[in-house]
Amino acid sequence: MKFRLITLFATLALSFAAFALDLQSAKDQGLVGEQTNGYLAALKSTADVTALVNDVNAKRTAAYQQIAQKNGISADDVAKLAAKKIIAKAEKGHMVQDSSGSWVKK
């Protein structure tokens, strides 16, 4: 019985790891895109994509606020500067938002 439980938990852990979506994979698959406001957007709404976007954006918000506080500027200004850099460095084939708000493949 104990062996079966261990096997079950190991199988579940491996299956969650296999379905977990990382940022690079999401970008490669066109599931997410970089917005001009410095945040990631879900281009396809699934639980994994939404969770990933929420996680990435929460980390970005914290980083933008920290940088803004250190430099005496607004977090929105930091986010906009970050957006320009992120979009400029986006890999070919990844989705980015253009200045009109449309999604384009870089």
PDB file of N, CA and C in Angstrom:
ATOM      1  N   MET A   1       0.828  -1.208   0.000  1.00  0.00           N
ATOM      2  CA  MET A   1       0.000   0.000   0.000  1.00  0.00           C
ATOM      3  C   MET A   1       0.863   1.258   0.000  1.00  0.00           C
ATOM      4  N   LYS A   2       1.878   1.268   0.857  1.00  0.00           N
ATOM      5  CA  LYS A   2       2.765   2.433   0.950  1.00  0.00           C
ATOM      6  C   LYS A   2       3.471   2.667  -0.393  1.00  0.00           C
ATOM      7  N   PHE A   3       3.901   1.583  -1.026  1.00  0.00           N
ATOM      8  CA  PHE A   3       4.575   1.700  -2.314  1.00  0.00           C
ATOM      9  C   PHE A   3       3.645   2.301  -3.371  1.00  0.00           C
ATOM     10  N   ARG A   4       2.377   1.896  -3.337  1.00  0.00           N
ATOM     11  CA  ARG A   4       1.420   2.411  -4.314  1.00  0.00           C
ATOM     12  C   ARG A   4       1.197   3.911  -4.120  1.00  0.00           C
ATOM     13  N   LEU A   5       1.125   4.344  -2.869  1.00  0.00           N
ATOM     14  CA  LEU A   5       0.948   5.770  -2.604  1.00  0.00           C
ATOM     15  C   LEU A   5       2.150   6.574  -3.081  1.00  0.00           C
ATOM     16  N   ILE A   6       3.329   6.053  -2.814  1.00  0.00           N
ATOM     17  CA  ILE A   6       4.543   6.742  -3.263  1.00  0.00           C
ATOM     18  C   ILE A   6       4.562   6.823  -4.796  1.00  0.00           C
ATOM     19  N   THR A   7       4.196   5.735  -5.444  1.00  0.00           N
ATOM     20  CA  THR A   7       4.152   5.707  -6.904  1.00  0.00           C
ATOM     21  C   THR A   7       3.126   6.698  -7.436  1.00  0.00           C
ATOM     22  N   LEU A   8       1.954   6.749  -6.772  1.00  0.00           N
ATOM     23  CA  LEU A   8       0.910   7.685  -7.189  1.00  0.00           C
ATOM     24  C   LEU A   8       1.388   9.122  -7.073  1.00  0.00           C
ATOM     25  N   PHE A   9       1.990   9.472  -5.934  1.00  0.00           N
ATOM     26  CA  PHE A   9       2.470  10.848  -5.749  1.00  0.00           C
ATOM     27  C   PHE A   9       3.595  11.178  -6.726  1.00  0.00           C
ATOM     28  N   ALA A  10       4.466  10.234  -6.973  1.00  0.00           N
ATOM     29  CA  ALA A  10       5.553  10.465  -7.927  1.00  0.00           C
ATOM     30  C   ALA A  10       4.997  10.683  -9.331  1.00  0.00           C
ATOM     31  N   THR A  11       4.004   9.897  -9.696  1.00  0.00           N
ATOM     32  CA  THR A  11       3.374  10.042 -11.018  1.00  0.00           C
ATOM     33  C   THR A  11       2.687  11.396 -11.139  1.00  0.00           C
ATOM     34  N   LEU A  12       1.964  11.789 -10.086  1.00  0.00           N
ATOM     35  CA  LEU A  12       1.295  13.089 -10.118  1.00  0.00           C
ATOM     36  C   LEU A  12       2.308  14.232 -10.205  1.00  0.00           C
ATOM     37  N   ALA A  13       3.371  14.126  -9.452  1.00  0.00           N
ATOM     38  CA  ALA A  13       4.396  15.173  -9.481  1.00  0.00           C
ATOM     39  C   ALA A  13       5.011  15.290 -10.860  1.00  0.00           C
ATOM     40  N   LEU A  14       5.304  14.178 -11.483  1.00  0.00           N
ATOM     41  CA  LEU A  14       5.886  14.197 -12.823  1.00  0.00           C
ATOM     42  C   LEU A  14       4.896  14.735 -13.846  1.00  0.00           C
ATOM     43  N   SER A  15       3.618  14.391 -13.705  1.00  0.00           N
ATOM     44  CA  SER A  15       2.637  14.879 -14.675  1.00  0.00           C
ATOM     45  C   SER A  15       2.441  16.379 -14.555  1.00  0.00           C
ATOM     46  N   PHE A  16       2.467  16.918 -13.328  1.00  0.00           N
ATOM     47  CA  PHE A  16       2.361  18.364 -13.175  1.00  0.00           C
ATOM     48  C   PHE A  16       3.566  19.053 -13.793  1.00  0.00           C
ATOM     49  N   ALA A  17       4.737  18.469 -13.600  1.00  0.00           N
ATOM     50  CA  ALA A  17       5.944  19.059 -14.175  1.00  0.00           C
ATOM     51  C   ALA A  17       5.874  19.041 -15.691  1.00  0.00           C
ATOM     52  N   ALA A  18       5.302  17.980 -16.251  1.00  0.00           N
ATOM     53  CA  ALA A  18       5.224  17.870 -17.704  1.00  0.00           C
ATOM     54  C   ALA A  18       4.255  18.892 -18.289  1.00  0.00           C
ATOM     55  N   PHE A  19       3.202  19.245 -17.553  1.00  0.00           N
ATOM     56  CA  PHE A  19       2.220  20.188 -18.062  1.00  0.00           C
ATOM     57  C   PHE A  19       2.521  21.626 -17.689  1.00  0.00           C
ATOM     58  N   ALA A  20       3.450  21.811 -16.783  1.00  0.00           N
ATOM     59  CA  ALA A  20       3.771  23.180 -16.383  1.00  0.00           C
ATOM     60  C   ALA A  20       4.321  23.930 -17.584  1.00  0.00           C
ATOM     61  N   LEU A  21       3.861  25.138 -17.732  1.00  0.00           N
ATOM     62  CA  LEU A  21       4.233  25.950 -18.879  1.00  0.00           C
ATOM     63  C   LEU A  21       5.273  26.969 -18.447  1.00  0.00           C
ATOM     64  N   ASP A  22       6.360  27.044 -19.176  1.00  0.00           N
ATOM     65  CA  ASP A  22       7.347  28.075 -18.848  1.00  0.00           C
ATOM     66  C   ASP A  22       7.235  29.210 -19.861  1.00  0.00           C
ATOM     67  N   LEU A  23       7.824  30.335 -19.515  1.00  0.00           N
ATOM     68  CA  LEU A  23       7.691  31.544 -20.318  1.00  0.00           C
ATOM     69  C   LEU A  23       8.223  31.358 -21.736  1.00  0.00           C
ATOM     70  N   GLN A  24       9.382  30.752 -21.869  1.00  0.00           N
ATOM     71  CA  GLN A  24       9.971  30.566 -23.206  1.00  0.00           C
ATOM     72  C   GLN A  24       9.062  29.708 -24.090  1.00  0.00           C
ATOM     73  N   SER A  25       8.535  28.630 -23.524  1.00  0.00           N
ATOM     74  CA  SER A  25       7.646  27.760 -24.293  1.00  0.00           C
ATOM     75  C   SER A  25       6.373  28.499 -24.697  1.00  0.00           C
ATOM     76  N   ALA A  26       5.842  29.282 -23.768  1.00  0.00           N
ATOM     77  CA  ALA A  26       4.621  30.043 -24.062  1.00  0.00           C
ATOM     78  C   ALA A  26       4.863  31.052 -25.174  1.00  0.00           C
ATOM     79  N   LYS A  27       6.022  31.689 -25.144  1.00  0.00           N
ATOM     80  CA  LYS A  27       6.349  32.648 -26.210  1.00  0.00           C
ATOM     81  C   LYS A  27       6.561  31.913 -27.540  1.00  0.00           C
ATOM     82  N   ASP A  28       7.272  30.806 -27.490  1.00  0.00           N
ATOM     83  CA  ASP A  28       7.534  30.030 -28.710  1.00  0.00           C
ATOM     84  C   ASP A  28       6.247  29.550 -29.367  1.00  0.00           C
ATOM     85  N   GLN A  29       5.235  29.254 -28.535  1.00  0.00           N
ATOM     86  CA  GLN A  29       3.965  28.736 -29.043  1.00  0.00           C
ATOM     87  C   GLN A  29       2.967  29.847 -29.373  1.00  0.00           C
ATOM     88  N   GLY A  30       3.349  31.114 -29.131  1.00  0.00           N
ATOM     89  CA  GLY A  30       2.449  32.230 -29.410  1.00  0.00           C
ATOM     90  C   GLY A  30       1.286  32.329 -28.444  1.00  0.00           C
ATOM     91  N   LEU A  31       1.465  31.774 -27.267  1.00  0.00           N
ATOM     92  CA  LEU A  31       0.396  31.803 -26.265  1.00  0.00           C
ATOM     93  C   LEU A  31       0.372  33.111 -25.493  1.00  0.00           C
ATOM     94  N   VAL A  32       1.503  33.794 -25.462  1.00  0.00           N
ATOM     95  CA  VAL A  32       1.628  35.061 -24.737  1.00  0.00           C
ATOM     96  C   VAL A  32       2.353  36.062 -25.614  1.00  0.00           C
ATOM     97  N   GLY A  33       2.183  37.330 -25.285  1.00  0.00           N
ATOM     98  CA  GLY A  33       2.868  38.372 -26.026  1.00  0.00           C
ATOM     99  C   GLY A  33       3.268  39.507 -25.112  1.00  0.00           C
ATOM    100  N   GLU A  34       4.223  40.278 -25.571  1.00  0.00           N
ATOM    101  CA  GLU A  34       4.710  41.418 -24.798  1.00  0.00           C
ATOM    102  C   GLU A  34       3.929  42.672 -25.171  1.00  0.00           C
ATOM    103  N   GLN A  35       3.366  43.305 -24.168  1.00  0.00           N
ATOM    104  CA  GLN A  35       2.584  44.516 -24.376  1.00  0.00           C
ATOM    105  C   GLN A  35       3.474  45.756 -24.290  1.00  0.00           C
ATOM    106  N   THR A  36       2.994  46.857 -24.814  1.00  0.00           N
ATOM    107  CA  THR A  36       3.748  48.112 -24.763  1.00  0.00           C
ATOM    108  C   THR A  36       3.718  48.751 -23.378  1.00  0.00           C
ATOM    109  N   ASN A  37       2.943  48.173 -22.466  1.00  0.00           N
ATOM    110  CA  ASN A  37       2.908  48.710 -21.104  1.00  0.00           C
ATOM    111  C   ASN A  37       3.897  48.007 -20.168  1.00  0.00           C
ATOM    112  N   GLY A  38       4.690  47.091 -20.711  1.00  0.00           N
ATOM    113  CA  GLY A  38       5.698  46.414 -19.906  1.00  0.00           C
ATOM    114  C   GLY A  38       5.243  45.119 -19.278  1.00  0.00           C
ATOM    115  N   TYR A  39       4.057  44.690 -19.617  1.00  0.00           N
ATOM    116  CA  TYR A  39       3.533  43.471 -19.020  1.00  0.00           C
ATOM    117  C   TYR A  39       3.239  42.432 -20.092  1.00  0.00           C
ATOM    118  N   LEU A  40       3.187  41.198 -19.641  1.00  0.00           N
ATOM    119  CA  LEU A  40       2.902  40.064 -20.511  1.00  0.00           C
ATOM    120  C   LEU A  40       1.392  39.918 -20.654  1.00  0.00           C
ATOM    121  N   ALA A  41       0.932  39.546 -21.832  1.00  0.00           N
ATOM    122  CA  ALA A  41      -0.501  39.325 -22.061  1.00  0.00           C
ATOM    123  C   ALA A  41      -0.727  37.886 -22.505  1.00  0.00           C
ATOM    124  N   ALA A  42      -1.845  37.339 -22.085  1.00  0.00           N
ATOM    125  CA  ALA A  42      -2.257  36.013 -22.536  1.00  0.00           C
ATOM    126  C   ALA A  42      -2.959  36.172 -23.874  1.00  0.00           C
ATOM    127  N   LEU A  43      -2.463  35.493 -24.885  1.00  0.00           N
ATOM    128  CA  LEU A  43      -3.092  35.547 -26.197  1.00  0.00           C
ATOM    129  C   LEU A  43      -4.016  34.363 -26.419  1.00  0.00           C
ATOM    130  N   LYS A  44      -3.876  33.374 -25.558  1.00  0.00           N
ATOM    131  CA  LYS A  44      -4.778  32.230 -25.561  1.00  0.00           C
ATOM    132  C   LYS A  44      -5.115  31.962 -24.109  1.00  0.00           C
ATOM    133  N   SER A  45      -6.376  31.920 -23.808  1.00  0.00           N
ATOM    134  CA  SER A  45      -6.793  31.816 -22.416  1.00  0.00           C
ATOM    135  C   SER A  45      -6.958  30.364 -21.980  1.00  0.00           C
ATOM    136  N   THR A  46      -5.963  29.893 -21.255  1.00  0.00           N
ATOM    137  CA  THR A  46      -6.053  28.589 -20.605  1.00  0.00           C
ATOM    138  C   THR A  46      -5.573  28.794 -19.176  1.00  0.00           C
ATOM    139  N   ALA A  47      -5.830  27.836 -18.342  1.00  0.00           N
ATOM    140  CA  ALA A  47      -5.442  27.957 -16.936  1.00  0.00           C
ATOM    141  C   ALA A  47      -3.929  28.101 -16.799  1.00  0.00           C
ATOM    142  N   ASP A  48      -3.181  27.309 -17.553  1.00  0.00           N
ATOM    143  CA  ASP A  48      -1.712  27.376 -17.483  1.00  0.00           C
ATOM    144  C   ASP A  48      -1.197  28.735 -17.951  1.00  0.00           C
ATOM    145  N   VAL A  49      -1.748  29.224 -19.048  1.00  0.00           N
ATOM    146  CA  VAL A  49      -1.297  30.512 -19.593  1.00  0.00           C
ATOM    147  C   VAL A  49      -1.643  31.639 -18.624  1.00  0.00           C
ATOM    148  N   THR A  50      -2.850  31.621 -18.108  1.00  0.00           N
ATOM    149  CA  THR A  50      -3.267  32.660 -17.164  1.00  0.00           C
ATOM    150  C   THR A  50      -2.397  32.640 -15.911  1.00  0.00           C
ATOM    151  N   ALA A  51      -2.111  31.469 -15.404  1.00  0.00           N
ATOM    152  CA  ALA A  51      -1.259  31.359 -14.210  1.00  0.00           C
ATOM    153  C   ALA A  51       0.139  31.889 -14.505  1.00  0.00           C
ATOM    154  N   LEU A  52       0.665  31.544 -15.663  1.00  0.00           N
ATOM    155  CA  LEU A  52       2.001  32.018 -16.044  1.00  0.00           C
ATOM    156  C   LEU A  52       2.017  33.536 -16.166  1.00  0.00           C
ATOM    157  N   VAL A  53       1.048  34.097 -16.854  1.00  0.00           N
ATOM    158  CA  VAL A  53       0.983  35.546 -17.050  1.00  0.00           C
ATOM    159  C   VAL A  53       0.851  36.261 -15.701  1.00  0.00           C
ATOM    160  N   ASN A  54       0.004  35.753 -14.856  1.00  0.00           N
ATOM    161  CA  ASN A  54      -0.164  36.377 -13.535  1.00  0.00           C
ATOM    162  C   ASN A  54       1.129  36.343 -12.730  1.00  0.00           C
ATOM    163  N   ASP A  55       1.816  35.227 -12.793  1.00  0.00           N
ATOM    164  CA  ASP A  55       3.077  35.091 -12.058  1.00  0.00           C
ATOM    165  C   ASP A  55       4.142  36.044 -12.601  1.00  0.00           C
ATOM    166  N   VAL A  56       4.307  36.064 -13.914  1.00  0.00           N
ATOM    167  CA  VAL A  56       5.316  36.934 -14.528  1.00  0.00           C
ATOM    168  C   VAL A  56       4.991  38.397 -14.248  1.00  0.00           C
ATOM    169  N   ASN A  57       3.736  38.773 -14.416  1.00  0.00           N
ATOM    170  CA  ASN A  57       3.366  40.172 -14.215  1.00  0.00           C
ATOM    171  C   ASN A  57       3.488  40.608 -12.757  1.00  0.00           C
ATOM    172  N   ALA A  58       3.226  39.716 -11.829  1.00  0.00           N
ATOM    173  CA  ALA A  58       3.410  40.059 -10.412  1.00  0.00           C
ATOM    174  C   ALA A  58       4.885  40.331 -10.121  1.00  0.00           C
ATOM    175  N   LYS A  59       5.752  39.508 -10.682  1.00  0.00           N
ATOM    176  CA  LYS A  59       7.196  39.718 -10.492  1.00  0.00           C
ATOM    177  C   LYS A  59       7.656  41.009 -11.165  1.00  0.00           C
ATOM    178  N   ARG A  60       7.113  41.279 -12.341  1.00  0.00           N
ATOM    179  CA  ARG A  60       7.474  42.526 -13.023  1.00  0.00           C
ATOM    180  C   ARG A  60       6.995  43.736 -12.239  1.00  0.00           C
ATOM    181  N   THR A  61       5.786  43.678 -11.726  1.00  0.00           N
ATOM    182  CA  THR A  61       5.259  44.791 -10.935  1.00  0.00           C
ATOM    183  C   THR A  61       6.181  45.083  -9.752  1.00  0.00           C
ATOM    184  N   ALA A  62       6.586  44.047  -9.061  1.00  0.00           N
ATOM    185  CA  ALA A  62       7.471  44.225  -7.906  1.00  0.00           C
ATOM    186  C   ALA A  62       8.797  44.843  -8.337  1.00  0.00           C
ATOM    187  N   ALA A  63       9.343  44.357  -9.435  1.00  0.00           N
ATOM    188  CA  ALA A  63      10.625  44.879  -9.926  1.00  0.00           C
ATOM    189  C   ALA A  63      10.479  46.332 -10.381  1.00  0.00           C
ATOM    190  N   TYR A  64       9.400  46.641 -11.084  1.00  0.00           N
ATOM    191  CA  TYR A  64       9.189  48.008 -11.569  1.00  0.00           C
ATOM    192  C   TYR A  64       9.042  48.972 -10.389  1.00  0.00           C
ATOM    193  N   GLN A  65       8.311  48.545  -9.380  1.00  0.00           N
ATOM    194  CA  GLN A  65       8.120  49.402  -8.205  1.00  0.00           C
ATOM    195  C   GLN A  65       9.435  49.635  -7.470  1.00  0.00           C
ATOM    196  N   GLN A  66      10.236  48.602  -7.366  1.00  0.00           N
ATOM    197  CA  GLN A  66      11.529  48.718  -6.680  1.00  0.00           C
ATOM    198  C   GLN A  66      12.456  49.676  -7.443  1.00  0.00           C
ATOM    199  N   ILE A  67      12.511  49.538  -8.747  1.00  0.00           N
ATOM    200  CA  ILE A  67      13.363  50.409  -9.568  1.00  0.00           C
ATOM    201  C   ILE A  67      12.853  51.842  -9.511  1.00  0.00           C
ATOM    202  N   ALA A  68      11.533  51.995  -9.575  1.00  0.00           N
ATOM    203  CA  ALA A  68      10.930  53.334  -9.536  1.00  0.00           C
ATOM    204  C   ALA A  68      11.252  54.033  -8.214  1.00  0.00           C
ATOM    205  N   GLN A  69      11.150  53.289  -7.143  1.00  0.00           N
ATOM    206  CA  GLN A  69      11.417  53.870  -5.827  1.00  0.00           C
ATOM    207  C   GLN A  69      12.881  54.301  -5.708  1.00  0.00           C
ATOM    208  N   LYS A  70      13.776  53.498  -6.211  1.00  0.00           N
ATOM    209  CA  LYS A  70      15.203  53.829  -6.142  1.00  0.00           C
ATOM    210  C   LYS A  70      15.535  55.073  -6.959  1.00  0.00           C
ATOM    211  N   ASN A  71      14.809  55.267  -8.065  1.00  0.00           N
ATOM    212  CA  ASN A  71      15.145  56.351  -8.987  1.00  0.00           C
ATOM    213  C   ASN A  71      14.204  57.544  -8.917  1.00  0.00           C
ATOM    214  N   GLY A  72      13.219  57.491  -8.046  1.00  0.00           N
ATOM    215  CA  GLY A  72      12.306  58.611  -7.885  1.00  0.00           C
ATOM    216  C   GLY A  72      11.425  58.878  -9.084  1.00  0.00           C
ATOM    217  N   ILE A  73      11.048  57.829  -9.781  1.00  0.00           N
ATOM    218  CA  ILE A  73      10.141  57.966 -10.929  1.00  0.00           C
ATOM    219  C   ILE A  73       8.962  57.027 -10.712  1.00  0.00           C
ATOM    220  N   SER A  74       7.987  57.135 -11.580  1.00  0.00           N
ATOM    221  CA  SER A  74       6.807  56.286 -11.404  1.00  0.00           C
ATOM    222  C   SER A  74       7.063  54.865 -11.926  1.00  0.00           C
ATOM    223  N   ALA A  75       6.344  53.932 -11.363  1.00  0.00           N
ATOM    224  CA  ALA A  75       6.446  52.541 -11.815  1.00  0.00           C
ATOM    225  C   ALA A  75       5.953  52.411 -13.257  1.00  0.00           C
ATOM    226  N   ASP A  76       4.986  53.229 -13.640  1.00  0.00           N
ATOM    227  CA  ASP A  76       4.498  53.197 -15.025  1.00  0.00           C
ATOM    228  C   ASP A  76       5.601  53.598 -16.003  1.00  0.00           C
ATOM    229  N   ASP A  77       6.398  54.618 -15.620  1.00  0.00           N
ATOM    230  CA  ASP A  77       7.505  55.028 -16.478  1.00  0.00           C
ATOM    231  C   ASP A  77       8.545  53.914 -16.602  1.00  0.00           C
ATOM    232  N   VAL A  78       8.825  53.254 -15.495  1.00  0.00           N
ATOM    233  CA  VAL A  78       9.769  52.127 -15.533  1.00  0.00           C
ATOM    234  C   VAL A  78       9.212  51.028 -16.435  1.00  0.00           C
ATOM    235  N   ALA A  79       7.930  50.740 -16.297  1.00  0.00           N
ATOM    236  CA  ALA A  79       7.304  49.686 -17.097  1.00  0.00           C
ATOM    237  C   ALA A  79       7.372  50.012 -18.590  1.00  0.00           C
ATOM    238  N   LYS A  80       7.136  51.257 -18.938  1.00  0.00           N
ATOM    239  CA  LYS A  80       7.184  51.646 -20.353  1.00  0.00           C
ATOM    240  C   LYS A  80       8.600  51.528 -20.917  1.00  0.00           C
ATOM    241  N   LEU A  81       9.593  51.926 -20.107  1.00  0.00           N
ATOM    242  CA  LEU A  81      10.986  51.767 -20.546  1.00  0.00           C
ATOM    243  C   LEU A  81      11.340  50.284 -20.696  1.00  0.00           C
ATOM    244  N   ALA A  82      10.884  49.494 -19.748  1.00  0.00           N
ATOM    245  CA  ALA A  82      11.136  48.050 -19.809  1.00  0.00           C
ATOM    246  C   ALA A  82      10.480  47.450 -21.040  1.00  0.00           C
ATOM    247  N   ALA A  83       9.274  47.906 -21.356  1.00  0.00           N
ATOM    248  CA  ALA A  83       8.554  47.389 -22.523  1.00  0.00           C
ATOM    249  C   ALA A  83       9.358  47.603 -23.801  1.00  0.00           C
ATOM    250  N   LYS A  84       9.923  48.794 -23.938  1.00  0.00           N
ATOM    251  CA  LYS A  84      10.713  49.074 -25.140  1.00  0.00           C
ATOM    252  C   LYS A  84      11.884  48.101 -25.261  1.00  0.00           C
ATOM    253  N   LYS A  85      12.558  47.853 -24.129  1.00  0.00           N
ATOM    254  CA  LYS A  85      13.697  46.934 -24.156  1.00  0.00           C
ATOM    255  C   LYS A  85      13.254  45.498 -24.410  1.00  0.00           C
ATOM    256  N   ILE A  86      12.190  45.094 -23.733  1.00  0.00           N
ATOM    257  CA  ILE A  86      11.702  43.712 -23.888  1.00  0.00           C
ATOM    258  C   ILE A  86      11.261  43.463 -25.325  1.00  0.00           C
ATOM    259  N   ILE A  87      10.526  44.393 -25.893  1.00  0.00           N
ATOM    260  CA  ILE A  87      10.035  44.230 -27.267  1.00  0.00           C
ATOM    261  C   ILE A  87      11.197  44.258 -28.256  1.00  0.00           C
ATOM    262  N   ALA A  88      12.166  45.136 -28.020  1.00  0.00           N
ATOM    263  CA  ALA A  88      13.331  45.199 -28.904  1.00  0.00           C
ATOM    264  C   ALA A  88      14.132  43.894 -28.875  1.00  0.00           C
ATOM    265  N   LYS A  89      14.168  43.253 -27.713  1.00  0.00           N
ATOM    266  CA  LYS A  89      14.944  42.019 -27.573  1.00  0.00           C
ATOM    267  C   LYS A  89      14.131  40.763 -27.851  1.00  0.00           C
ATOM    268  N   ALA A  90      12.852  40.921 -28.166  1.00  0.00           N
ATOM    269  CA  ALA A  90      12.010  39.746 -28.423  1.00  0.00           C
ATOM    270  C   ALA A  90      12.579  38.936 -29.578  1.00  0.00           C
ATOM    271  N   GLU A  91      12.482  37.643 -29.438  1.00  0.00           N
ATOM    272  CA  GLU A  91      13.002  36.755 -30.476  1.00  0.00           C
ATOM    273  C   GLU A  91      12.090  36.752 -31.700  1.00  0.00           C
ATOM    274  N   LYS A  92      12.682  36.462 -32.833  1.00  0.00           N
ATOM    275  CA  LYS A  92      11.925  36.359 -34.074  1.00  0.00           C
ATOM    276  C   LYS A  92      10.835  35.291 -33.908  1.00  0.00           C
ATOM    277  N   GLY A  93       9.625  35.657 -34.289  1.00  0.00           N
ATOM    278  CA  GLY A  93       8.506  34.718 -34.181  1.00  0.00           C
ATOM    279  C   GLY A  93       7.665  34.904 -32.932  1.00  0.00           C
ATOM    280  N   HIS A  94       8.164  35.678 -31.974  1.00  0.00           N
ATOM    281  CA  HIS A  94       7.391  35.927 -30.756  1.00  0.00           C
ATOM    282  C   HIS A  94       6.414  37.065 -31.008  1.00  0.00           C
ATOM    283  N   MET A  95       5.301  37.042 -30.277  1.00  0.00           N
ATOM    284  CA  MET A  95       4.253  38.046 -30.447  1.00  0.00           C
ATOM    285  C   MET A  95       4.556  39.274 -29.588  1.00  0.00           C
ATOM    286  N   VAL A  96       4.443  40.432 -30.223  1.00  0.00           N
ATOM    287  CA  VAL A  96       4.627  41.705 -29.510  1.00  0.00           C
ATOM    288  C   VAL A  96       3.526  42.661 -29.947  1.00  0.00           C
ATOM    289  N   GLN A  97       3.246  43.597 -29.101  1.00  0.00           N
ATOM    290  CA  GLN A  97       2.235  44.610 -29.406  1.00  0.00           C
ATOM    291  C   GLN A  97       2.928  45.793 -30.073  1.00  0.00           C
ATOM    292  N   ASP A  98       2.335  46.291 -31.157  1.00  0.00           N
ATOM    293  CA  ASP A  98       2.921  47.474 -31.793  1.00  0.00           C
ATOM    294  C   ASP A  98       2.333  48.739 -31.180  1.00  0.00           C
ATOM    295  N   SER A  99       2.762  49.878 -31.670  1.00  0.00           N
ATOM    296  CA  SER A  99       2.345  51.154 -31.073  1.00  0.00           C
ATOM    297  C   SER A  99       0.843  51.420 -31.221  1.00  0.00           C
ATOM    298  N   SER A 100       0.189  50.742 -32.188  1.00  0.00           N
ATOM    299  CA  SER A 100      -1.255  50.920 -32.347  1.00  0.00           C
ATOM    300  C   SER A 100      -2.052  49.963 -31.460  1.00  0.00           C
ATOM    301  N   GLY A 101      -1.338  49.058 -30.785  1.00  0.00           N
ATOM    302  CA  GLY A 101      -2.001  48.090 -29.908  1.00  0.00           C
ATOM    303  C   GLY A 101      -2.300  46.761 -30.578  1.00  0.00           C
ATOM    304  N   SER A 102      -1.916  46.647 -31.829  1.00  0.00           N
ATOM    305  CA  SER A 102      -2.138  45.389 -32.557  1.00  0.00           C
ATOM    306  C   SER A 102      -1.031  44.398 -32.233  1.00  0.00           C
ATOM    307  N   TRP A 103      -1.387  43.128 -32.317  1.00  0.00           N
ATOM    308  CA  TRP A 103      -0.392  42.076 -32.093  1.00  0.00           C
ATOM    309  C   TRP A 103       0.278  41.720 -33.400  1.00  0.00           C
ATOM    310  N   VAL A 104       1.602  41.685 -33.378  1.00  0.00           N
ATOM    311  CA  VAL A 104       2.369  41.329 -34.565  1.00  0.00           C
ATOM    312  C   VAL A 104       3.411  40.294 -34.179  1.00  0.00           C
ATOM    313  N   LYS A 105       3.741  39.458 -35.135  1.00  0.00           N
ATOM    314  CA  LYS A 105       4.796  38.478 -34.935  1.00  0.00           C
ATOM    315  C   LYS A 105       6.106  39.137 -35.309  1.00  0.00           C
ATOM    316  N   LYS A 106       7.032  39.136 -34.388  1.00  0.00           N
ATOM    317  CA  LYS A 106       8.311  39.797 -34.654  1.00  0.00           C
ATOM    318  C   LYS A 106       9.161  38.953 -35.580  1.00  0.00           C
TER     319      LYS A 106
END
